[in-house]
């Protein structure tokens, strides 16, 4: 009976296993092979060893794309976490029309990526965009937003908070899982809202914060659509994000070998950053079931 169940289990899992091997493992192995070659699309790949990787050190655009992506990550991730956590706390209150408010705050997440970018192109327009119109009415100086080299990445960081719905829902689920008796204990000891937040909510939410932090960092390191549709890496390479640089090398300049090397370097960077975050998590993430940090 166990063998029969095991066979059926493998059979049912086989489509997922085959899909993972064919569409994930296979392309990863192929890209690693191509990263060791000089391959122009339409030609024959020639083995060059680690030349593509050593060439990265002298590639100014590689360092530019890496710095732009890091800048975006350091700005977008904390801001999105802060906004989504604050909104989740508001939506965790017992107020009238709560389901409607939750739906409204989540709706921007459902907007297709391209439609979202087109909307923000209008919002950031220096002449008749919404933001500059509001600034003019308030008597404040306007900005060129994504059309300015200095403001391009900060503008995209602001834009990133638009789609905080998924992060908000995860925070909301975490908040609803905080034991009520802990709040009651703080109240009995004379603690107010701030002490309840600092000594109960924040410690109990650290696993959820950590999860959203890891997902956010991994996601922002792969930012692509904004640069591809809105700025094409400009102005003056200010928004030349790493994945867009890979795309440009692979599909514009047809340097598939070099693009594959770039992709593997990104994989290694994300892996190292994720490892460091997990290593550091022991110091501040509290798991109630484990009874320790």
C-alpha atoms as a PDB file:
ATOM      1  CA  UNK A   1       0.000   0.000   0.000  1.00  0.00           C
ATOM      2  CA  UNK A   2       2.844   2.382   0.812  1.00  0.00           C
ATOM      3  CA  UNK A   3       4.536   1.659  -2.513  1.00  0.00           C
ATOM      4  CA  UNK A   4       1.245   2.212  -4.319  1.00  0.00           C
ATOM      5  CA  UNK A   5       0.743   5.586  -2.596  1.00  0.00           C
ATOM      6  CA  UNK A   6       4.362   6.552  -3.239  1.00  0.00           C
ATOM      7  CA  UNK A   7       4.030   5.789  -6.955  1.00  0.00           C
ATOM      8  CA  UNK A   8       0.861   7.844  -7.245  1.00  0.00           C
ATOM      9  CA  UNK A   9       2.486  10.643  -5.267  1.00  0.00           C
ATOM     10  CA  UNK A  10       5.435  10.755  -7.646  1.00  0.00           C
ATOM     11  CA  UNK A  11       3.073  10.563 -10.633  1.00  0.00           C
ATOM     12  CA  UNK A  12       1.001  13.515  -9.387  1.00  0.00           C
ATOM     13  CA  UNK A  13       4.136  15.555  -8.657  1.00  0.00           C
ATOM     14  CA  UNK A  14       5.773  14.650 -11.961  1.00  0.00           C
ATOM     15  CA  UNK A  15       4.331  17.590 -14.003  1.00  0.00           C
ATOM     16  CA  UNK A  16       5.644  20.094 -11.459  1.00  0.00           C
ATOM     17  CA  UNK A  17       9.019  18.348 -11.269  1.00  0.00           C
ATOM     18  CA  UNK A  18       9.356  18.222 -15.060  1.00  0.00           C
ATOM     19  CA  UNK A  19       8.331  21.880 -15.340  1.00  0.00           C
ATOM     20  CA  UNK A  20      10.931  22.889 -12.758  1.00  0.00           C
ATOM     21  CA  UNK A  21      13.680  20.873 -14.448  1.00  0.00           C
ATOM     22  CA  UNK A  22      12.833  21.965 -17.998  1.00  0.00           C
ATOM     23  CA  UNK A  23      11.991  25.617 -17.419  1.00  0.00           C
ATOM     24  CA  UNK A  24      14.224  26.478 -14.426  1.00  0.00           C
ATOM     25  CA  UNK A  25      17.123  24.072 -13.915  1.00  0.00           C
ATOM     26  CA  UNK A  26      17.724  23.560 -17.637  1.00  0.00           C
ATOM     27  CA  UNK A  27      17.927  27.268 -18.531  1.00  0.00           C
ATOM     28  CA  UNK A  28      20.153  27.921 -15.503  1.00  0.00           C
ATOM     29  CA  UNK A  29      22.629  25.248 -16.620  1.00  0.00           C
ATOM     30  CA  UNK A  30      22.521  26.577 -20.194  1.00  0.00           C
ATOM     31  CA  UNK A  31      23.079  30.178 -19.051  1.00  0.00           C
ATOM     32  CA  UNK A  32      26.082  29.123 -16.984  1.00  0.00           C
ATOM     33  CA  UNK A  33      27.561  27.419 -20.035  1.00  0.00           C
ATOM     34  CA  UNK A  34      26.889  30.477 -22.207  1.00  0.00           C
ATOM     35  CA  UNK A  35      28.496  32.720 -19.570  1.00  0.00           C
ATOM     36  CA  UNK A  36      31.768  30.926 -20.325  1.00  0.00           C
ATOM     37  CA  UNK A  37      31.495  31.630 -24.046  1.00  0.00           C
ATOM     38  CA  UNK A  38      31.584  34.510 -26.490  1.00  0.00           C
ATOM     39  CA  UNK A  39      28.227  34.060 -28.174  1.00  0.00           C
ATOM     40  CA  UNK A  40      26.568  36.500 -30.504  1.00  0.00           C
ATOM     41  CA  UNK A  41      22.987  35.642 -31.431  1.00  0.00           C
ATOM     42  CA  UNK A  42      23.015  33.890 -34.792  1.00  0.00           C
ATOM     43  CA  UNK A  43      26.618  32.758 -34.445  1.00  0.00           C
ATOM     44  CA  UNK A  44      28.462  29.864 -32.868  1.00  0.00           C
ATOM     45  CA  UNK A  45      29.513  30.148 -29.207  1.00  0.00           C
ATOM     46  CA  UNK A  46      33.263  30.052 -28.622  1.00  0.00           C
ATOM     47  CA  UNK A  47      34.647  29.065 -25.235  1.00  0.00           C
ATOM     48  CA  UNK A  48      36.446  31.937 -23.451  1.00  0.00           C
ATOM     49  CA  UNK A  49      36.539  30.636 -19.880  1.00  0.00           C
ATOM     50  CA  UNK A  50      36.162  33.341 -17.238  1.00  0.00           C
ATOM     51  CA  UNK A  51      36.844  36.235 -19.619  1.00  0.00           C
ATOM     52  CA  UNK A  52      33.246  37.496 -19.377  1.00  0.00           C
ATOM     53  CA  UNK A  53      33.504  37.621 -15.592  1.00  0.00           C
ATOM     54  CA  UNK A  54      36.887  39.344 -15.525  1.00  0.00           C
ATOM     55  CA  UNK A  55      35.643  41.893 -18.070  1.00  0.00           C
ATOM     56  CA  UNK A  56      33.021  43.059 -15.578  1.00  0.00           C
ATOM     57  CA  UNK A  57      35.683  44.746 -13.463  1.00  0.00           C
ATOM     58  CA  UNK A  58      36.453  47.168 -16.304  1.00  0.00           C
ATOM     59  CA  UNK A  59      32.832  47.680 -17.369  1.00  0.00           C
ATOM     60  CA  UNK A  60      31.745  51.126 -16.170  1.00  0.00           C
ATOM     61  CA  UNK A  61      28.095  50.408 -16.972  1.00  0.00           C
ATOM     62  CA  UNK A  62      28.195  47.258 -14.844  1.00  0.00           C
ATOM     63  CA  UNK A  63      29.194  49.294 -11.804  1.00  0.00           C
ATOM     64  CA  UNK A  64      26.718  52.020 -12.728  1.00  0.00           C
ATOM     65  CA  UNK A  65      23.851  49.533 -12.983  1.00  0.00           C
ATOM     66  CA  UNK A  66      24.854  47.872  -9.724  1.00  0.00           C
ATOM     67  CA  UNK A  67      25.012  51.190  -7.862  1.00  0.00           C
ATOM     68  CA  UNK A  68      21.676  52.373  -9.316  1.00  0.00           C
ATOM     69  CA  UNK A  69      20.008  49.109  -8.316  1.00  0.00           C
ATOM     70  CA  UNK A  70      21.496  49.231  -4.813  1.00  0.00           C
ATOM     71  CA  UNK A  71      20.354  52.843  -4.418  1.00  0.00           C
ATOM     72  CA  UNK A  72      16.843  51.870  -5.496  1.00  0.00           C
ATOM     73  CA  UNK A  73      16.784  48.884  -3.131  1.00  0.00           C
ATOM     74  CA  UNK A  74      18.003  50.890  -0.122  1.00  0.00           C
ATOM     75  CA  UNK A  75      15.259  53.463  -0.730  1.00  0.00           C
ATOM     76  CA  UNK A  76      12.312  51.406  -1.950  1.00  0.00           C
ATOM     77  CA  UNK A  77      12.421  48.514   0.526  1.00  0.00           C
ATOM     78  CA  UNK A  78      12.403  50.537   3.804  1.00  0.00           C
ATOM     79  CA  UNK A  79       9.825  52.990   2.457  1.00  0.00           C
ATOM     80  CA  UNK A  80       7.489  50.232   1.261  1.00  0.00           C
ATOM     81  CA  UNK A  81       7.838  48.338   4.542  1.00  0.00           C
ATOM     82  CA  UNK A  82       7.111  51.471   6.556  1.00  0.00           C
ATOM     83  CA  UNK A  83       4.056  52.516   4.523  1.00  0.00           C
ATOM     84  CA  UNK A  84       2.577  49.024   4.276  1.00  0.00           C
ATOM     85  CA  UNK A  85       3.089  48.372   8.003  1.00  0.00           C
ATOM     86  CA  UNK A  86       1.462  51.685   8.949  1.00  0.00           C
ATOM     87  CA  UNK A  87      -1.525  51.060   6.659  1.00  0.00           C
ATOM     88  CA  UNK A  88      -1.860  47.486   7.945  1.00  0.00           C
ATOM     89  CA  UNK A  89      -2.049  48.784  11.511  1.00  0.00           C
ATOM     90  CA  UNK A  90      -4.769  51.236  10.496  1.00  0.00           C
ATOM     91  CA  UNK A  91      -6.714  48.495   8.715  1.00  0.00           C
ATOM     92  CA  UNK A  92      -6.411  46.250  11.763  1.00  0.00           C
ATOM     93  CA  UNK A  93      -8.693  48.558  13.731  1.00  0.00           C
ATOM     94  CA  UNK A  94     -12.409  47.971  14.173  1.00  0.00           C
ATOM     95  CA  UNK A  95     -13.960  50.708  12.067  1.00  0.00           C
ATOM     96  CA  UNK A  96     -17.004  50.963   9.837  1.00  0.00           C
ATOM     97  CA  UNK A  97     -16.479  49.890   6.230  1.00  0.00           C
ATOM     98  CA  UNK A  98     -13.255  48.035   7.020  1.00  0.00           C
ATOM     99  CA  UNK A  99     -13.617  45.569   4.138  1.00  0.00           C
ATOM    100  CA  UNK A 100     -14.090  48.452   1.701  1.00  0.00           C
ATOM    101  CA  UNK A 101     -10.973  50.250   2.934  1.00  0.00           C
ATOM    102  CA  UNK A 102      -8.907  47.072   2.691  1.00  0.00           C
ATOM    103  CA  UNK A 103     -10.097  46.585  -0.875  1.00  0.00           C
ATOM    104  CA  UNK A 104      -9.285  50.182  -1.840  1.00  0.00           C
ATOM    105  CA  UNK A 105      -5.736  49.979  -0.491  1.00  0.00           C
ATOM    106  CA  UNK A 106      -5.138  46.645  -2.197  1.00  0.00           C
ATOM    107  CA  UNK A 107      -6.536  47.615  -5.617  1.00  0.00           C
ATOM    108  CA  UNK A 108      -3.333  49.286  -6.966  1.00  0.00           C
ATOM    109  CA  UNK A 109      -1.599  45.911  -6.706  1.00  0.00           C
ATOM    110  CA  UNK A 110      -4.025  44.523  -9.300  1.00  0.00           C
ATOM    111  CA  UNK A 111      -3.165  47.181 -11.888  1.00  0.00           C
ATOM    112  CA  UNK A 112      -1.039  45.635 -14.694  1.00  0.00           C
ATOM    113  CA  UNK A 113       2.604  46.697 -14.596  1.00  0.00           C
ATOM    114  CA  UNK A 114       2.548  48.524 -17.934  1.00  0.00           C
ATOM    115  CA  UNK A 115      -0.675  50.379 -17.107  1.00  0.00           C
ATOM    116  CA  UNK A 116       0.829  51.320 -13.764  1.00  0.00           C
ATOM    117  CA  UNK A 117       3.931  52.755 -15.455  1.00  0.00           C
ATOM    118  CA  UNK A 118       1.849  54.704 -17.997  1.00  0.00           C
ATOM    119  CA  UNK A 119      -0.177  56.212 -15.162  1.00  0.00           C
ATOM    120  CA  UNK A 120       2.962  57.341 -13.347  1.00  0.00           C
ATOM    121  CA  UNK A 121       4.412  58.818 -16.533  1.00  0.00           C
ATOM    122  CA  UNK A 122       1.471  61.215 -16.476  1.00  0.00           C
ATOM    123  CA  UNK A 123       1.829  61.844 -12.721  1.00  0.00           C
ATOM    124  CA  UNK A 124       5.540  62.676 -13.159  1.00  0.00           C
ATOM    125  CA  UNK A 125       5.079  64.853 -16.247  1.00  0.00           C
ATOM    126  CA  UNK A 126       6.908  68.155 -15.528  1.00  0.00           C
ATOM    127  CA  UNK A 127       4.426  70.303 -17.477  1.00  0.00           C
ATOM    128  CA  UNK A 128       0.945  68.978 -16.687  1.00  0.00           C
ATOM    129  CA  UNK A 129       1.559  66.082 -14.307  1.00  0.00           C
ATOM    130  CA  UNK A 130      -0.424  65.679 -11.099  1.00  0.00           C
ATOM    131  CA  UNK A 131       2.509  66.124  -8.715  1.00  0.00           C
ATOM    132  CA  UNK A 132       3.765  69.370 -10.225  1.00  0.00           C
ATOM    133  CA  UNK A 133       0.220  70.702 -10.457  1.00  0.00           C
ATOM    134  CA  UNK A 134      -0.241  70.135  -6.722  1.00  0.00           C
ATOM    135  CA  UNK A 135       3.143  71.728  -5.983  1.00  0.00           C
ATOM    136  CA  UNK A 136       2.250  74.819  -8.047  1.00  0.00           C
ATOM    137  CA  UNK A 137      -1.062  75.225  -6.228  1.00  0.00           C
ATOM    138  CA  UNK A 138       0.783  74.979  -2.906  1.00  0.00           C
ATOM    139  CA  UNK A 139       3.333  77.577  -4.039  1.00  0.00           C
ATOM    140  CA  UNK A 140       6.203  75.105  -3.843  1.00  0.00           C
ATOM    141  CA  UNK A 141       8.986  74.552  -6.398  1.00  0.00           C
ATOM    142  CA  UNK A 142       8.328  71.883  -9.009  1.00  0.00           C
ATOM    143  CA  UNK A 143      10.611  69.064 -10.125  1.00  0.00           C
ATOM    144  CA  UNK A 144      11.575  67.278 -13.320  1.00  0.00           C
ATOM    145  CA  UNK A 145      11.051  63.930 -11.545  1.00  0.00           C
ATOM    146  CA  UNK A 146      12.083  60.988 -13.764  1.00  0.00           C
ATOM    147  CA  UNK A 147      13.341  63.410 -16.418  1.00  0.00           C
ATOM    148  CA  UNK A 148      16.078  64.649 -14.056  1.00  0.00           C
ATOM    149  CA  UNK A 149      19.253  62.672 -13.430  1.00  0.00           C
ATOM    150  CA  UNK A 150      19.227  63.563  -9.724  1.00  0.00           C
ATOM    151  CA  UNK A 151      15.523  62.839  -9.166  1.00  0.00           C
ATOM    152  CA  UNK A 152      15.018  59.834 -11.446  1.00  0.00           C
ATOM    153  CA  UNK A 153      15.735  57.085  -8.915  1.00  0.00           C
ATOM    154  CA  UNK A 154      14.025  58.888  -5.976  1.00  0.00           C
ATOM    155  CA  UNK A 155      10.968  59.295  -8.201  1.00  0.00           C
ATOM    156  CA  UNK A 156      10.893  55.557  -8.897  1.00  0.00           C
ATOM    157  CA  UNK A 157      11.317  54.897  -5.183  1.00  0.00           C
ATOM    158  CA  UNK A 158       8.216  57.000  -4.524  1.00  0.00           C
ATOM    159  CA  UNK A 159       6.429  55.109  -7.274  1.00  0.00           C
ATOM    160  CA  UNK A 160       7.348  51.766  -5.677  1.00  0.00           C
ATOM    161  CA  UNK A 161       5.089  52.446  -2.678  1.00  0.00           C
ATOM    162  CA  UNK A 162       2.060  52.420  -5.011  1.00  0.00           C
ATOM    163  CA  UNK A 163       2.006  48.620  -5.078  1.00  0.00           C
ATOM    164  CA  UNK A 164       2.343  47.904  -1.364  1.00  0.00           C
ATOM    165  CA  UNK A 165      -0.860  45.830  -1.275  1.00  0.00           C
ATOM    166  CA  UNK A 166       0.729  42.379  -1.033  1.00  0.00           C
ATOM    167  CA  UNK A 167       3.115  43.486   1.711  1.00  0.00           C
ATOM    168  CA  UNK A 168       0.226  45.147   3.538  1.00  0.00           C
ATOM    169  CA  UNK A 169      -1.873  41.956   3.460  1.00  0.00           C
ATOM    170  CA  UNK A 170       1.005  39.925   4.906  1.00  0.00           C
ATOM    171  CA  UNK A 171       1.507  42.496   7.664  1.00  0.00           C
ATOM    172  CA  UNK A 172      -2.233  42.488   8.350  1.00  0.00           C
ATOM    173  CA  UNK A 173      -2.219  38.702   8.709  1.00  0.00           C
ATOM    174  CA  UNK A 174       0.702  38.972  11.117  1.00  0.00           C
ATOM    175  CA  UNK A 175      -1.012  41.637  13.196  1.00  0.00           C
ATOM    176  CA  UNK A 176      -4.124  39.502  13.538  1.00  0.00           C
ATOM    177  CA  UNK A 177      -1.964  36.684  14.844  1.00  0.00           C
ATOM    178  CA  UNK A 178      -0.554  38.670  17.773  1.00  0.00           C
ATOM    179  CA  UNK A 179      -2.022  37.158  20.995  1.00  0.00           C
ATOM    180  CA  UNK A 180      -4.562  39.449  22.622  1.00  0.00           C
ATOM    181  CA  UNK A 181      -3.510  38.482  26.144  1.00  0.00           C
ATOM    182  CA  UNK A 182      -0.144  40.180  25.638  1.00  0.00           C
ATOM    183  CA  UNK A 183      -1.869  43.514  25.009  1.00  0.00           C
ATOM    184  CA  UNK A 184      -4.050  42.938  28.075  1.00  0.00           C
ATOM    185  CA  UNK A 185      -0.970  42.249  30.209  1.00  0.00           C
ATOM    186  CA  UNK A 186       0.649  45.532  29.141  1.00  0.00           C
ATOM    187  CA  UNK A 187      -2.587  47.438  29.791  1.00  0.00           C
ATOM    188  CA  UNK A 188      -2.858  45.924  33.285  1.00  0.00           C
ATOM    189  CA  UNK A 189       0.677  47.132  33.995  1.00  0.00           C
ATOM    190  CA  UNK A 190      -0.375  50.644  33.002  1.00  0.00           C
ATOM    191  CA  UNK A 191       1.119  50.676  29.518  1.00  0.00           C
ATOM    192  CA  UNK A 192      -0.408  52.892  26.849  1.00  0.00           C
ATOM    193  CA  UNK A 193      -0.627  52.495  23.052  1.00  0.00           C
ATOM    194  CA  UNK A 194       3.066  53.255  22.513  1.00  0.00           C
ATOM    195  CA  UNK A 195       4.221  50.643  25.032  1.00  0.00           C
ATOM    196  CA  UNK A 196       1.826  48.090  23.568  1.00  0.00           C
ATOM    197  CA  UNK A 197       3.312  48.744  20.143  1.00  0.00           C
ATOM    198  CA  UNK A 198       6.949  48.787  21.283  1.00  0.00           C
ATOM    199  CA  UNK A 199       6.846  45.816  23.674  1.00  0.00           C
ATOM    200  CA  UNK A 200       4.233  43.596  21.999  1.00  0.00           C
ATOM    201  CA  UNK A 201       3.385  44.471  18.408  1.00  0.00           C
ATOM    202  CA  UNK A 202       6.889  45.143  17.117  1.00  0.00           C
ATOM    203  CA  UNK A 203       8.622  42.097  18.684  1.00  0.00           C
ATOM    204  CA  UNK A 204       5.820  39.747  17.644  1.00  0.00           C
ATOM    205  CA  UNK A 205       5.863  41.139  14.105  1.00  0.00           C
ATOM    206  CA  UNK A 206       9.612  40.712  13.546  1.00  0.00           C
ATOM    207  CA  UNK A 207       9.212  37.372  11.672  1.00  0.00           C
ATOM    208  CA  UNK A 208       6.727  39.013   9.300  1.00  0.00           C
ATOM    209  CA  UNK A 209       8.944  42.085   8.907  1.00  0.00           C
ATOM    210  CA  UNK A 210      11.894  39.818   8.145  1.00  0.00           C
ATOM    211  CA  UNK A 211       9.931  37.870   5.527  1.00  0.00           C
ATOM    212  CA  UNK A 212       8.794  41.039   3.772  1.00  0.00           C
ATOM    213  CA  UNK A 213      12.334  42.424   4.002  1.00  0.00           C
ATOM    214  CA  UNK A 214      13.845  39.405   2.239  1.00  0.00           C
ATOM    215  CA  UNK A 215      11.140  39.325  -0.435  1.00  0.00           C
ATOM    216  CA  UNK A 216      11.469  43.080  -0.950  1.00  0.00           C
ATOM    217  CA  UNK A 217      15.247  43.016  -1.341  1.00  0.00           C
ATOM    218  CA  UNK A 218      15.141  40.102  -3.782  1.00  0.00           C
ATOM    219  CA  UNK A 219      12.373  41.791  -5.771  1.00  0.00           C
ATOM    220  CA  UNK A 220      13.949  45.242  -5.982  1.00  0.00           C
ATOM    221  CA  UNK A 221      17.278  43.807  -7.118  1.00  0.00           C
ATOM    222  CA  UNK A 222      15.333  42.538 -10.133  1.00  0.00           C
ATOM    223  CA  UNK A 223      13.512  45.779 -10.947  1.00  0.00           C
ATOM    224  CA  UNK A 224      13.038  46.108 -14.696  1.00  0.00           C
ATOM    225  CA  UNK A 225       9.695  47.417 -15.964  1.00  0.00           C
ATOM    226  CA  UNK A 226      10.106  51.023 -14.810  1.00  0.00           C
ATOM    227  CA  UNK A 227      13.466  51.410 -16.521  1.00  0.00           C
ATOM    228  CA  UNK A 228      12.305  49.629 -19.675  1.00  0.00           C
ATOM    229  CA  UNK A 229       9.065  51.563 -20.197  1.00  0.00           C
ATOM    230  CA  UNK A 230       9.585  54.914 -18.467  1.00  0.00           C
ATOM    231  CA  UNK A 231      13.221  55.921 -18.790  1.00  0.00           C
ATOM    232  CA  UNK A 232      15.091  53.392 -20.976  1.00  0.00           C
ATOM    233  CA  UNK A 233      17.893  53.616 -18.424  1.00  0.00           C
ATOM    234  CA  UNK A 234      18.173  57.390 -18.562  1.00  0.00           C
ATOM    235  CA  UNK A 235      18.630  60.181 -18.090  1.00  0.00           C
ATOM    236  CA  UNK A 236      22.392  59.732 -18.451  1.00  0.00           C
ATOM    237  CA  UNK A 237      22.190  56.091 -17.269  1.00  0.00           C
ATOM    238  CA  UNK A 238      20.712  57.193 -13.924  1.00  0.00           C
ATOM    239  CA  UNK A 239      18.096  54.401 -13.996  1.00  0.00           C
ATOM    240  CA  UNK A 240      20.207  51.770 -15.719  1.00  0.00           C
ATOM    241  CA  UNK A 241      19.090  49.046 -13.349  1.00  0.00           C
ATOM    242  CA  UNK A 242      20.941  45.742 -13.342  1.00  0.00           C
ATOM    243  CA  UNK A 243      18.276  43.553 -14.961  1.00  0.00           C
ATOM    244  CA  UNK A 244      17.640  46.185 -17.622  1.00  0.00           C
ATOM    245  CA  UNK A 245      21.369  46.187 -18.358  1.00  0.00           C
ATOM    246  CA  UNK A 246      21.233  42.393 -18.753  1.00  0.00           C
ATOM    247  CA  UNK A 247      18.283  42.796 -21.108  1.00  0.00           C
ATOM    248  CA  UNK A 248      20.099  45.429 -23.150  1.00  0.00           C
ATOM    249  CA  UNK A 249      23.237  43.324 -23.441  1.00  0.00           C
ATOM    250  CA  UNK A 250      21.298  40.205 -24.404  1.00  0.00           C
ATOM    251  CA  UNK A 251      18.564  41.487 -26.716  1.00  0.00           C
ATOM    252  CA  UNK A 252      19.844  44.843 -27.976  1.00  0.00           C
ATOM    253  CA  UNK A 253      23.556  44.201 -28.313  1.00  0.00           C
ATOM    254  CA  UNK A 254      23.124  40.412 -28.798  1.00  0.00           C
ATOM    255  CA  UNK A 255      25.954  39.602 -26.359  1.00  0.00           C
ATOM    256  CA  UNK A 256      24.315  36.538 -24.835  1.00  0.00           C
ATOM    257  CA  UNK A 257      27.492  35.202 -23.240  1.00  0.00           C
ATOM    258  CA  UNK A 258      28.231  38.462 -21.440  1.00  0.00           C
ATOM    259  CA  UNK A 259      24.569  38.827 -20.420  1.00  0.00           C
ATOM    260  CA  UNK A 260      24.612  35.311 -18.958  1.00  0.00           C
ATOM    261  CA  UNK A 261      27.669  36.222 -16.896  1.00  0.00           C
ATOM    262  CA  UNK A 262      25.851  39.311 -15.643  1.00  0.00           C
ATOM    263  CA  UNK A 263      22.866  37.168 -14.664  1.00  0.00           C
ATOM    264  CA  UNK A 264      25.024  34.752 -12.671  1.00  0.00           C
ATOM    265  CA  UNK A 265      26.740  37.613 -10.873  1.00  0.00           C
ATOM    266  CA  UNK A 266      23.304  38.939  -9.904  1.00  0.00           C
ATOM    267  CA  UNK A 267      22.347  35.475  -8.657  1.00  0.00           C
ATOM    268  CA  UNK A 268      25.461  35.368  -6.488  1.00  0.00           C
ATOM    269  CA  UNK A 269      24.862  38.892  -5.156  1.00  0.00           C
ATOM    270  CA  UNK A 270      21.270  38.072  -4.171  1.00  0.00           C
ATOM    271  CA  UNK A 271      22.372  34.794  -2.583  1.00  0.00           C
ATOM    272  CA  UNK A 272      25.071  36.505  -0.501  1.00  0.00           C
ATOM    273  CA  UNK A 273      22.767  39.346   0.589  1.00  0.00           C
ATOM    274  CA  UNK A 274      20.035  36.865   1.534  1.00  0.00           C
ATOM    275  CA  UNK A 275      22.522  34.757   3.514  1.00  0.00           C
ATOM    276  CA  UNK A 276      23.721  37.836   5.408  1.00  0.00           C
ATOM    277  CA  UNK A 277      20.137  38.840   6.212  1.00  0.00           C
ATOM    278  CA  UNK A 278      19.369  35.370   7.573  1.00  0.00           C
ATOM    279  CA  UNK A 279      22.605  35.397   9.559  1.00  0.00           C
ATOM    280  CA  UNK A 280      21.791  38.796  11.071  1.00  0.00           C
ATOM    281  CA  UNK A 281      18.145  37.844  11.716  1.00  0.00           C
ATOM    282  CA  UNK A 282      19.176  35.884  14.804  1.00  0.00           C
ATOM    283  CA  UNK A 283      19.857  39.159  16.572  1.00  0.00           C
ATOM    284  CA  UNK A 284      16.461  40.784  16.150  1.00  0.00           C
ATOM    285  CA  UNK A 285      13.826  38.309  14.904  1.00  0.00           C
ATOM    286  CA  UNK A 286      11.759  36.756  17.694  1.00  0.00           C
ATOM    287  CA  UNK A 287       9.974  33.430  17.182  1.00  0.00           C
ATOM    288  CA  UNK A 288       7.452  32.751  19.924  1.00  0.00           C
ATOM    289  CA  UNK A 289       7.360  28.991  19.339  1.00  0.00           C
ATOM    290  CA  UNK A 290      11.126  28.757  19.646  1.00  0.00           C
ATOM    291  CA  UNK A 291      11.086  30.846  22.803  1.00  0.00           C
ATOM    292  CA  UNK A 292      14.262  32.629  21.768  1.00  0.00           C
ATOM    293  CA  UNK A 293      15.718  34.894  19.183  1.00  0.00           C
END
